[in-house]
Amino acid sequence: MTRSDLATRLSLRMKISKKEADRYLLSFVDAVITGLQKDKRVVVQGFGSFKVREYEERIGKKPITSELIKIPSRKKPVFHASKEL
């Protein structure tokens, strides 16, 4: 399902225009992104939660050449589904 499909379903359910539904959807996505940028956990009751997980620096191996490489530390968003989902 694409963003456009979500906006269409939202517009039909709320009886609003597709353009307005897309604005609501973008507002939700922006709120989640803002929360994650502040290293907060974002919980949507009945759906799941988003949080940022930090991965430490580590040594990896290139599959073809078997050369050892250094993989830098990074932050990555993670989603956990709720029990209802």
C-alpha atoms as a PDB file:
ATOM      1  CA  MET A   1       0.000   0.000   0.000  1.00  0.00           C
ATOM      2  CA  THR A   2       1.385   3.389  -0.978  1.00  0.00           C
ATOM      3  CA  ARG A   3       1.005   6.818   0.574  1.00  0.00           C
ATOM      4  CA  SER A   4      -1.521   7.675  -2.109  1.00  0.00           C
ATOM      5  CA  ASP A   5      -3.579   4.572  -1.226  1.00  0.00           C
ATOM      6  CA  LEU A   6      -3.509   5.531   2.447  1.00  0.00           C
ATOM      7  CA  ALA A   7      -4.619   9.072   1.647  1.00  0.00           C
ATOM      8  CA  THR A   8      -7.471   7.740  -0.502  1.00  0.00           C
ATOM      9  CA  ARG A   9      -8.710   5.428   2.251  1.00  0.00           C
ATOM     10  CA  LEU A  10      -8.399   8.180   4.829  1.00  0.00           C
ATOM     11  CA  SER A  11     -10.361  10.594   2.638  1.00  0.00           C
ATOM     12  CA  LEU A  12     -13.170   8.068   2.124  1.00  0.00           C
ATOM     13  CA  ARG A  13     -13.371   7.206   5.800  1.00  0.00           C
ATOM     14  CA  MET A  14     -13.334  10.808   7.041  1.00  0.00           C
ATOM     15  CA  LYS A  15     -15.394  12.165   4.103  1.00  0.00           C
ATOM     16  CA  ILE A  16     -12.776  14.795   3.239  1.00  0.00           C
ATOM     17  CA  SER A  17     -10.842  15.602   0.071  1.00  0.00           C
ATOM     18  CA  LYS A  18      -7.887  13.452  -0.903  1.00  0.00           C
ATOM     19  CA  LYS A  19      -5.642  16.527  -0.764  1.00  0.00           C
ATOM     20  CA  GLU A  20      -6.658  17.232   2.836  1.00  0.00           C
ATOM     21  CA  ALA A  21      -6.223  13.565   3.770  1.00  0.00           C
ATOM     22  CA  ASP A  22      -2.708  13.661   2.321  1.00  0.00           C
ATOM     23  CA  ARG A  23      -1.948  16.719   4.495  1.00  0.00           C
ATOM     24  CA  TYR A  24      -3.143  14.812   7.587  1.00  0.00           C
ATOM     25  CA  LEU A  25      -0.981  11.855   6.632  1.00  0.00           C
ATOM     26  CA  LEU A  26       2.081  14.074   6.089  1.00  0.00           C
ATOM     27  CA  SER A  27       1.458  15.746   9.462  1.00  0.00           C
ATOM     28  CA  PHE A  28       1.487  12.351  11.142  1.00  0.00           C
ATOM     29  CA  VAL A  29       4.713  11.327   9.394  1.00  0.00           C
ATOM     30  CA  ASP A  30       6.355  14.670  10.278  1.00  0.00           C
ATOM     31  CA  ALA A  31       5.348  14.242  13.931  1.00  0.00           C
ATOM     32  CA  VAL A  32       6.903  10.764  14.036  1.00  0.00           C
ATOM     33  CA  ILE A  33      10.108  12.016  12.379  1.00  0.00           C
ATOM     34  CA  THR A  34      10.359  14.977  14.768  1.00  0.00           C
ATOM     35  CA  GLY A  35       9.885  12.698  17.763  1.00  0.00           C
ATOM     36  CA  LEU A  36      12.552  10.287  16.538  1.00  0.00           C
ATOM     37  CA  GLN A  37      14.997  13.125  15.830  1.00  0.00           C
ATOM     38  CA  LYS A  38      14.670  14.127  19.491  1.00  0.00           C
ATOM     39  CA  ASP A  39      15.522  10.507  20.441  1.00  0.00           C
ATOM     40  CA  LYS A  40      12.058   9.979  21.867  1.00  0.00           C
ATOM     41  CA  ARG A  41       9.859   6.920  21.595  1.00  0.00           C
ATOM     42  CA  VAL A  42       6.705   7.473  19.526  1.00  0.00           C
ATOM     43  CA  VAL A  43       3.765   5.235  20.484  1.00  0.00           C
ATOM     44  CA  VAL A  44       0.574   4.843  18.459  1.00  0.00           C
ATOM     45  CA  GLN A  45      -1.854   2.921  20.682  1.00  0.00           C
ATOM     46  CA  GLY A  46      -3.154  -0.222  18.972  1.00  0.00           C
ATOM     47  CA  PHE A  47      -0.619   0.059  16.144  1.00  0.00           C
ATOM     48  CA  GLY A  48       2.918   0.011  17.524  1.00  0.00           C
ATOM     49  CA  SER A  49       5.880   2.126  18.545  1.00  0.00           C
ATOM     50  CA  PHE A  50       8.823   3.739  16.822  1.00  0.00           C
ATOM     51  CA  LYS A  51      12.185   4.374  18.460  1.00  0.00           C
ATOM     52  CA  VAL A  52      15.789   5.019  17.502  1.00  0.00           C
ATOM     53  CA  ARG A  53      18.296   2.259  18.125  1.00  0.00           C
ATOM     54  CA  GLU A  54      22.025   2.972  18.269  1.00  0.00           C
ATOM     55  CA  TYR A  55      24.394   0.473  16.725  1.00  0.00           C
ATOM     56  CA  GLU A  56      28.012   0.502  17.872  1.00  0.00           C
ATOM     57  CA  GLU A  57      31.009   0.551  15.584  1.00  0.00           C
ATOM     58  CA  ARG A  58      32.072  -2.912  14.474  1.00  0.00           C
ATOM     59  CA  ILE A  59      34.297  -4.834  12.098  1.00  0.00           C
ATOM     60  CA  GLY A  60      32.643  -6.429   9.066  1.00  0.00           C
ATOM     61  CA  LYS A  61      33.804  -8.485   6.121  1.00  0.00           C
ATOM     62  CA  LYS A  62      33.249  -7.878   2.401  1.00  0.00           C
ATOM     63  CA  PRO A  63      31.607 -11.053   1.050  1.00  0.00           C
ATOM     64  CA  ILE A  64      33.526 -11.251  -2.230  1.00  0.00           C
ATOM     65  CA  THR A  65      37.051 -10.259  -1.171  1.00  0.00           C
ATOM     66  CA  SER A  66      36.873 -11.277   2.534  1.00  0.00           C
ATOM     67  CA  GLU A  67      38.508  -7.917   3.284  1.00  0.00           C
ATOM     68  CA  LEU A  68      37.870  -6.668   6.823  1.00  0.00           C
ATOM     69  CA  ILE A  69      36.259  -3.229   6.963  1.00  0.00           C
ATOM     70  CA  LYS A  70      35.285  -0.876   9.763  1.00  0.00           C
ATOM     71  CA  ILE A  71      31.525  -0.200   9.958  1.00  0.00           C
ATOM     72  CA  PRO A  72      30.910   3.106  11.778  1.00  0.00           C
ATOM     73  CA  SER A  73      28.378   3.522  14.576  1.00  0.00           C
ATOM     74  CA  ARG A  74      24.942   4.670  13.469  1.00  0.00           C
ATOM     75  CA  LYS A  75      21.395   5.330  14.578  1.00  0.00           C
ATOM     76  CA  LYS A  76      18.500   3.570  12.919  1.00  0.00           C
ATOM     77  CA  PRO A  77      14.714   3.868  13.377  1.00  0.00           C
ATOM     78  CA  VAL A  78      12.980   0.689  14.541  1.00  0.00           C
ATOM     79  CA  PHE A  79       9.265  -0.201  14.585  1.00  0.00           C
ATOM     80  CA  HIS A  80       7.690  -2.643  17.034  1.00  0.00           C
ATOM     81  CA  ALA A  81       4.137  -3.764  16.299  1.00  0.00           C
ATOM     82  CA  SER A  82       1.593  -3.810  19.121  1.00  0.00           C
ATOM     83  CA  LYS A  83      -0.130  -6.989  20.231  1.00  0.00           C
ATOM     84  CA  GLU A  84      -3.361  -5.878  18.520  1.00  0.00           C
ATOM     85  CA  LEU A  85      -1.605  -5.534  15.178  1.00  0.00           C
END
